[in-house]
Amino acid sequence: MKKIILISLGSLFLLLAIIGVLLPVFPTTPFLLLATACYMRSSETLYNKIISHKQFGPLVKNYLNDRSITRKTKIVAVSSLWVFMSFSAYFFVTYLWAQVMMFLTALGVSLYLLSLKTTALNSDASIATSQDLSE
């Protein structure tokens, strides 16, 4: 059952990452990393498809191997996080405590993203297999 749930979540996150490629303000990398994490724990085949993908693979490999993302990814991720979080808090959340929690979460995620190393996209990054990462 756990495997089915993780594959389903991974597929949902992958779909959201693909939407992020098409919509400039919608984040791609966070959803791609979530999909990778789900697949890593549930399906070696799907995990290997992501890390060997021509466009997605280098993003995932840089993060997994070096904990690094590109400057553009940082800018888009942090900007879209704050835009969507602010929009949601203003229009959909009526409780002040919930709005505060949303902004604290956004602050934490922003600080984490900004703390990652900034790198140029490296398509020659070595492939981390699921076996390597579980060791």
N, C-alpha and C. Protein backbone atom coordinates (compact mmCIF):
# COMPACT_ATOMS: atom_id res chain seq x y z
N MET A 1 0.83 -1.19 0.00
CA MET A 1 0.00 0.00 0.00
C MET A 1 0.87 1.26 0.00
N LYS A 2 1.96 1.24 0.82
CA LYS A 2 2.87 2.39 0.89
C LYS A 2 3.47 2.68 -0.48
N LYS A 3 3.84 1.63 -1.21
CA LYS A 3 4.44 1.79 -2.53
C LYS A 3 3.45 2.46 -3.50
N ILE A 4 2.21 2.05 -3.46
CA ILE A 4 1.18 2.62 -4.34
C ILE A 4 0.96 4.11 -4.02
N ILE A 5 0.91 4.43 -2.73
CA ILE A 5 0.72 5.82 -2.33
C ILE A 5 1.90 6.68 -2.78
N LEU A 6 3.12 6.18 -2.57
CA LEU A 6 4.30 6.95 -2.97
C LEU A 6 4.39 7.14 -4.48
N ILE A 7 4.06 6.11 -5.24
CA ILE A 7 4.08 6.23 -6.70
C ILE A 7 3.00 7.23 -7.15
N SER A 8 1.83 7.18 -6.52
CA SER A 8 0.75 8.11 -6.86
C SER A 8 1.15 9.55 -6.54
N LEU A 9 1.71 9.76 -5.35
CA LEU A 9 2.16 11.10 -4.98
C LEU A 9 3.29 11.57 -5.90
N GLY A 10 4.23 10.67 -6.19
CA GLY A 10 5.33 11.02 -7.09
C GLY A 10 4.81 11.43 -8.46
N SER A 11 3.82 10.73 -8.95
CA SER A 11 3.24 11.05 -10.25
C SER A 11 2.51 12.40 -10.22
N LEU A 12 1.81 12.67 -9.11
CA LEU A 12 1.15 13.97 -8.96
C LEU A 12 2.19 15.09 -8.93
N PHE A 13 3.26 14.91 -8.16
CA PHE A 13 4.30 15.92 -8.08
C PHE A 13 5.00 16.10 -9.43
N LEU A 14 5.19 15.01 -10.16
CA LEU A 14 5.81 15.11 -11.48
C LEU A 14 4.90 15.90 -12.43
N LEU A 15 3.61 15.65 -12.37
CA LEU A 15 2.65 16.41 -13.18
C LEU A 15 2.72 17.90 -12.85
N LEU A 16 2.80 18.22 -11.56
CA LEU A 16 2.92 19.62 -11.15
C LEU A 16 4.24 20.23 -11.63
N ALA A 17 5.31 19.44 -11.64
CA ALA A 17 6.60 19.92 -12.15
C ALA A 17 6.51 20.21 -13.64
N ILE A 18 5.82 19.36 -14.37
CA ILE A 18 5.65 19.58 -15.81
C ILE A 18 4.82 20.84 -16.06
N ILE A 19 3.79 21.05 -15.24
CA ILE A 19 3.01 22.29 -15.35
C ILE A 19 3.92 23.48 -15.07
N GLY A 20 4.83 23.32 -14.12
CA GLY A 20 5.77 24.39 -13.80
C GLY A 20 6.70 24.74 -14.95
N VAL A 21 6.98 23.78 -15.81
CA VAL A 21 7.79 24.06 -17.00
C VAL A 21 7.00 24.96 -17.94
N LEU A 22 5.70 24.74 -18.02
CA LEU A 22 4.85 25.48 -18.95
C LEU A 22 4.42 26.85 -18.42
N LEU A 23 4.25 26.97 -17.11
CA LEU A 23 3.83 28.22 -16.50
C LEU A 23 5.02 28.87 -15.80
N PRO A 24 5.43 30.04 -16.24
CA PRO A 24 6.66 30.64 -15.71
C PRO A 24 6.64 30.97 -14.22
N VAL A 25 5.49 31.24 -13.61
CA VAL A 25 5.47 31.57 -12.19
C VAL A 25 5.23 30.35 -11.30
N PHE A 26 5.01 29.21 -11.89
CA PHE A 26 4.74 28.00 -11.12
C PHE A 26 6.05 27.24 -10.94
N PRO A 27 6.43 26.89 -9.72
CA PRO A 27 7.74 26.27 -9.50
C PRO A 27 7.84 24.86 -10.07
N THR A 28 8.98 24.53 -10.64
CA THR A 28 9.23 23.21 -11.20
C THR A 28 10.07 22.37 -10.26
N THR A 29 11.19 22.90 -9.85
CA THR A 29 12.18 22.13 -9.10
C THR A 29 11.65 21.54 -7.80
N PRO A 30 10.94 22.29 -6.95
CA PRO A 30 10.46 21.67 -5.71
C PRO A 30 9.57 20.45 -5.96
N PHE A 31 8.68 20.56 -6.95
CA PHE A 31 7.80 19.42 -7.25
C PHE A 31 8.60 18.26 -7.86
N LEU A 32 9.59 18.58 -8.65
CA LEU A 32 10.44 17.55 -9.24
C LEU A 32 11.22 16.82 -8.15
N LEU A 33 11.72 17.55 -7.17
CA LEU A 33 12.45 16.92 -6.07
C LEU A 33 11.52 16.06 -5.20
N LEU A 34 10.30 16.52 -5.00
CA LEU A 34 9.33 15.71 -4.26
C LEU A 34 8.99 14.43 -5.01
N ALA A 35 8.81 14.54 -6.32
CA ALA A 35 8.53 13.36 -7.13
C ALA A 35 9.70 12.38 -7.05
N THR A 36 10.91 12.91 -7.15
CA THR A 36 12.10 12.06 -7.08
C THR A 36 12.17 11.35 -5.74
N ALA A 37 11.90 12.07 -4.65
CA ALA A 37 11.94 11.46 -3.32
C ALA A 37 10.91 10.34 -3.20
N CYS A 38 9.72 10.57 -3.74
CA CYS A 38 8.69 9.52 -3.69
C CYS A 38 9.10 8.30 -4.51
N TYR A 39 9.60 8.55 -5.71
CA TYR A 39 10.01 7.44 -6.58
C TYR A 39 11.22 6.70 -6.00
N MET A 40 12.11 7.44 -5.36
CA MET A 40 13.31 6.82 -4.78
C MET A 40 12.92 5.77 -3.74
N ARG A 41 11.83 6.04 -3.03
CA ARG A 41 11.40 5.13 -1.97
C ARG A 41 10.40 4.08 -2.43
N SER A 42 9.99 4.16 -3.72
CA SER A 42 8.94 3.23 -4.14
C SER A 42 9.23 2.50 -5.45
N SER A 43 9.95 3.14 -6.38
CA SER A 43 10.14 2.52 -7.69
C SER A 43 11.50 2.92 -8.27
N GLU A 44 12.41 1.99 -8.29
CA GLU A 44 13.73 2.27 -8.85
C GLU A 44 13.63 2.62 -10.34
N THR A 45 12.70 1.99 -11.05
CA THR A 45 12.52 2.27 -12.47
C THR A 45 12.10 3.72 -12.71
N LEU A 46 11.10 4.20 -11.97
CA LEU A 46 10.64 5.58 -12.14
C LEU A 46 11.71 6.57 -11.67
N TYR A 47 12.40 6.25 -10.59
CA TYR A 47 13.49 7.10 -10.11
C TYR A 47 14.56 7.24 -11.19
N ASN A 48 14.96 6.12 -11.77
CA ASN A 48 16.00 6.15 -12.80
C ASN A 48 15.54 6.91 -14.05
N LYS A 49 14.24 6.87 -14.35
CA LYS A 49 13.73 7.63 -15.49
C LYS A 49 13.87 9.13 -15.25
N ILE A 50 13.61 9.57 -14.03
CA ILE A 50 13.74 10.99 -13.73
C ILE A 50 15.20 11.43 -13.80
N ILE A 51 16.09 10.69 -13.16
CA ILE A 51 17.48 11.15 -13.12
C ILE A 51 18.19 11.00 -14.46
N SER A 52 17.64 10.22 -15.36
CA SER A 52 18.26 10.11 -16.68
C SER A 52 17.54 10.95 -17.73
N HIS A 53 16.50 11.69 -17.31
CA HIS A 53 15.76 12.55 -18.23
C HIS A 53 16.65 13.70 -18.71
N LYS A 54 16.52 14.05 -19.97
CA LYS A 54 17.38 15.06 -20.58
C LYS A 54 17.28 16.42 -19.87
N GLN A 55 16.08 16.85 -19.53
CA GLN A 55 15.91 18.16 -18.89
C GLN A 55 15.88 18.08 -17.37
N PHE A 56 15.15 17.13 -16.83
CA PHE A 56 14.98 17.05 -15.39
C PHE A 56 16.19 16.45 -14.68
N GLY A 57 16.86 15.52 -15.32
CA GLY A 57 17.97 14.80 -14.71
C GLY A 57 19.04 15.69 -14.11
N PRO A 58 19.57 16.66 -14.87
CA PRO A 58 20.62 17.52 -14.30
C PRO A 58 20.18 18.31 -13.06
N LEU A 59 18.95 18.78 -13.04
CA LEU A 59 18.45 19.49 -11.85
C LEU A 59 18.46 18.59 -10.62
N VAL A 60 17.95 17.39 -10.79
CA VAL A 60 17.86 16.45 -9.69
C VAL A 60 19.27 16.02 -9.25
N LYS A 61 20.12 15.71 -10.22
CA LYS A 61 21.48 15.25 -9.88
C LYS A 61 22.27 16.32 -9.13
N ASN A 62 22.17 17.58 -9.57
CA ASN A 62 22.88 18.65 -8.86
C ASN A 62 22.40 18.75 -7.42
N TYR A 63 21.10 18.64 -7.22
CA TYR A 63 20.58 18.74 -5.86
C TYR A 63 21.02 17.54 -5.02
N LEU A 64 20.86 16.33 -5.56
CA LEU A 64 21.19 15.13 -4.79
C LEU A 64 22.68 15.00 -4.51
N ASN A 65 23.51 15.34 -5.49
CA ASN A 65 24.95 15.16 -5.33
C ASN A 65 25.62 16.31 -4.59
N ASP A 66 25.18 17.54 -4.83
CA ASP A 66 25.87 18.71 -4.28
C ASP A 66 25.01 19.59 -3.39
N ARG A 67 23.73 19.26 -3.26
CA ARG A 67 22.78 20.13 -2.57
C ARG A 67 22.87 21.54 -3.15
N SER A 68 22.81 21.60 -4.48
CA SER A 68 22.91 22.89 -5.17
C SER A 68 21.79 23.03 -6.19
N ILE A 69 21.39 24.28 -6.41
CA ILE A 69 20.41 24.59 -7.44
C ILE A 69 20.88 25.85 -8.17
N THR A 70 20.31 26.10 -9.33
CA THR A 70 20.73 27.26 -10.12
C THR A 70 20.15 28.55 -9.53
N ARG A 71 20.77 29.66 -9.88
CA ARG A 71 20.31 30.97 -9.43
C ARG A 71 18.88 31.22 -9.90
N LYS A 72 18.59 30.87 -11.14
CA LYS A 72 17.24 31.05 -11.69
C LYS A 72 16.22 30.25 -10.88
N THR A 73 16.57 29.02 -10.51
CA THR A 73 15.67 28.18 -9.72
C THR A 73 15.40 28.82 -8.37
N LYS A 74 16.44 29.35 -7.74
CA LYS A 74 16.25 30.02 -6.45
C LYS A 74 15.30 31.20 -6.59
N ILE A 75 15.53 32.02 -7.59
CA ILE A 75 14.72 33.23 -7.77
C ILE A 75 13.26 32.87 -8.04
N VAL A 76 13.04 31.93 -8.96
CA VAL A 76 11.67 31.54 -9.30
C VAL A 76 10.99 30.86 -8.12
N ALA A 77 11.70 29.97 -7.44
CA ALA A 77 11.09 29.23 -6.33
C ALA A 77 10.71 30.17 -5.18
N VAL A 78 11.63 31.03 -4.78
CA VAL A 78 11.34 31.93 -3.66
C VAL A 78 10.27 32.95 -4.05
N SER A 79 10.37 33.49 -5.24
CA SER A 79 9.38 34.48 -5.69
C SER A 79 7.98 33.88 -5.77
N SER A 80 7.87 32.74 -6.42
CA SER A 80 6.55 32.12 -6.56
C SER A 80 6.01 31.65 -5.22
N LEU A 81 6.88 31.19 -4.34
CA LEU A 81 6.45 30.79 -3.00
C LEU A 81 5.78 31.96 -2.30
N TRP A 82 6.41 33.13 -2.33
CA TRP A 82 5.86 34.29 -1.63
C TRP A 82 4.62 34.83 -2.32
N VAL A 83 4.58 34.79 -3.64
CA VAL A 83 3.38 35.26 -4.35
C VAL A 83 2.18 34.38 -4.01
N PHE A 84 2.36 33.06 -4.14
CA PHE A 84 1.25 32.14 -3.88
C PHE A 84 0.86 32.13 -2.40
N MET A 85 1.85 32.19 -1.51
CA MET A 85 1.56 32.18 -0.08
C MET A 85 0.82 33.46 0.31
N SER A 86 1.26 34.59 -0.19
CA SER A 86 0.59 35.87 0.12
C SER A 86 -0.83 35.89 -0.43
N PHE A 87 -0.99 35.45 -1.66
CA PHE A 87 -2.32 35.39 -2.28
C PHE A 87 -3.25 34.49 -1.46
N SER A 88 -2.76 33.32 -1.10
CA SER A 88 -3.59 32.38 -0.33
C SER A 88 -3.93 32.94 1.04
N ALA A 89 -2.95 33.51 1.71
CA ALA A 89 -3.20 34.04 3.06
C ALA A 89 -4.19 35.20 3.03
N TYR A 90 -4.09 36.04 2.03
CA TYR A 90 -4.96 37.21 1.96
C TYR A 90 -6.39 36.85 1.56
N PHE A 91 -6.53 35.97 0.55
CA PHE A 91 -7.86 35.69 0.00
C PHE A 91 -8.57 34.47 0.60
N PHE A 92 -7.83 33.53 1.15
CA PHE A 92 -8.46 32.27 1.56
C PHE A 92 -8.38 31.95 3.04
N VAL A 93 -7.46 32.55 3.76
CA VAL A 93 -7.27 32.20 5.17
C VAL A 93 -7.76 33.36 6.03
N THR A 94 -8.70 33.06 6.91
CA THR A 94 -9.30 34.13 7.71
C THR A 94 -8.69 34.24 9.11
N TYR A 95 -8.09 33.19 9.60
CA TYR A 95 -7.52 33.21 10.96
C TYR A 95 -6.10 33.78 10.94
N LEU A 96 -5.88 34.72 11.82
CA LEU A 96 -4.56 35.36 11.90
C LEU A 96 -3.47 34.34 12.25
N TRP A 97 -3.75 33.42 13.17
CA TRP A 97 -2.74 32.44 13.56
C TRP A 97 -2.34 31.57 12.37
N ALA A 98 -3.31 31.24 11.49
CA ALA A 98 -3.01 30.43 10.31
C ALA A 98 -2.17 31.23 9.31
N GLN A 99 -2.47 32.51 9.17
CA GLN A 99 -1.68 33.36 8.28
C GLN A 99 -0.24 33.47 8.78
N VAL A 100 -0.09 33.63 10.10
CA VAL A 100 1.25 33.70 10.69
C VAL A 100 2.01 32.40 10.44
N MET A 101 1.34 31.27 10.61
CA MET A 101 1.99 29.97 10.37
C MET A 101 2.40 29.83 8.90
N MET A 102 1.54 30.30 8.00
CA MET A 102 1.87 30.23 6.57
C MET A 102 3.12 31.06 6.27
N PHE A 103 3.19 32.25 6.83
CA PHE A 103 4.34 33.11 6.56
C PHE A 103 5.61 32.58 7.24
N LEU A 104 5.48 31.98 8.41
CA LEU A 104 6.65 31.36 9.04
C LEU A 104 7.15 30.18 8.21
N THR A 105 6.23 29.42 7.66
CA THR A 105 6.60 28.30 6.78
C THR A 105 7.30 28.82 5.54
N ALA A 106 6.75 29.86 4.93
CA ALA A 106 7.36 30.45 3.74
C ALA A 106 8.75 30.99 4.06
N LEU A 107 8.90 31.58 5.22
CA LEU A 107 10.21 32.10 5.64
C LEU A 107 11.21 30.95 5.78
N GLY A 108 10.78 29.88 6.43
CA GLY A 108 11.66 28.72 6.61
C GLY A 108 12.08 28.10 5.29
N VAL A 109 11.12 27.93 4.39
CA VAL A 109 11.43 27.35 3.07
C VAL A 109 12.35 28.29 2.29
N SER A 110 12.09 29.58 2.37
CA SER A 110 12.93 30.56 1.66
C SER A 110 14.36 30.51 2.19
N LEU A 111 14.52 30.49 3.50
CA LEU A 111 15.86 30.43 4.08
C LEU A 111 16.58 29.14 3.66
N TYR A 112 15.85 28.03 3.63
CA TYR A 112 16.46 26.78 3.20
C TYR A 112 16.92 26.88 1.74
N LEU A 113 16.04 27.35 0.86
CA LEU A 113 16.40 27.46 -0.55
C LEU A 113 17.58 28.39 -0.76
N LEU A 114 17.59 29.51 -0.05
CA LEU A 114 18.68 30.47 -0.20
C LEU A 114 19.99 29.95 0.40
N SER A 115 19.89 28.99 1.33
CA SER A 115 21.11 28.44 1.93
C SER A 115 21.79 27.40 1.04
N LEU A 116 21.06 26.90 0.04
CA LEU A 116 21.66 25.91 -0.87
C LEU A 116 22.73 26.58 -1.73
N LYS A 117 23.73 25.79 -2.11
CA LYS A 117 24.76 26.31 -3.00
C LYS A 117 24.13 26.69 -4.33
N THR A 118 24.67 27.74 -4.93
CA THR A 118 24.22 28.16 -6.25
C THR A 118 25.20 27.60 -7.27
N THR A 119 24.66 26.98 -8.30
CA THR A 119 25.52 26.36 -9.30
C THR A 119 24.99 26.63 -10.69
N ALA A 120 25.88 26.51 -11.65
CA ALA A 120 25.45 26.51 -13.04
C ALA A 120 24.91 25.12 -13.33
N LEU A 121 23.95 25.01 -14.20
CA LEU A 121 23.38 23.71 -14.53
C LEU A 121 24.44 22.85 -15.18
N ASN A 122 24.68 21.68 -14.61
CA ASN A 122 25.73 20.79 -15.09
C ASN A 122 25.10 19.52 -15.60
N SER A 123 25.02 19.39 -16.90
CA SER A 123 24.37 18.21 -17.48
C SER A 123 25.28 16.99 -17.42
N ASP A 124 26.54 17.18 -17.02
CA ASP A 124 27.46 16.05 -16.94
C ASP A 124 27.58 15.49 -15.53
N ALA A 125 26.69 15.91 -14.63
CA ALA A 125 26.75 15.41 -13.26
C ALA A 125 26.58 13.90 -13.26
N SER A 126 27.32 13.26 -12.40
CA SER A 126 27.24 11.81 -12.35
C SER A 126 25.88 11.39 -11.80
N ILE A 127 25.40 10.28 -12.26
CA ILE A 127 24.08 9.80 -11.84
C ILE A 127 24.18 9.11 -10.50
N ALA A 128 23.38 9.58 -9.56
CA ALA A 128 23.29 8.95 -8.26
C ALA A 128 22.20 7.89 -8.34
N THR A 129 22.56 6.66 -8.15
CA THR A 129 21.55 5.61 -8.21
C THR A 129 20.84 5.52 -6.87
N SER A 130 19.69 4.91 -6.85
CA SER A 130 18.95 4.78 -5.61
C SER A 130 19.75 3.96 -4.60
N GLN A 131 20.57 3.05 -5.07
CA GLN A 131 21.40 2.24 -4.19
C GLN A 131 22.47 3.12 -3.53
N ASP A 132 23.07 4.05 -4.29
CA ASP A 132 24.07 4.96 -3.75
C ASP A 132 23.47 5.82 -2.65
N LEU A 133 22.26 6.33 -2.88
CA LEU A 133 21.63 7.25 -1.94
C LEU A 133 21.15 6.57 -0.68
N SER A 134 20.90 5.28 -0.73
CA SER A 134 20.41 4.59 0.45
C SER A 134 21.55 4.15 1.36
N GLU A 135 22.76 4.27 0.90
CA GLU A 135 23.92 3.86 1.71
C GLU A 135 24.31 4.91 2.70
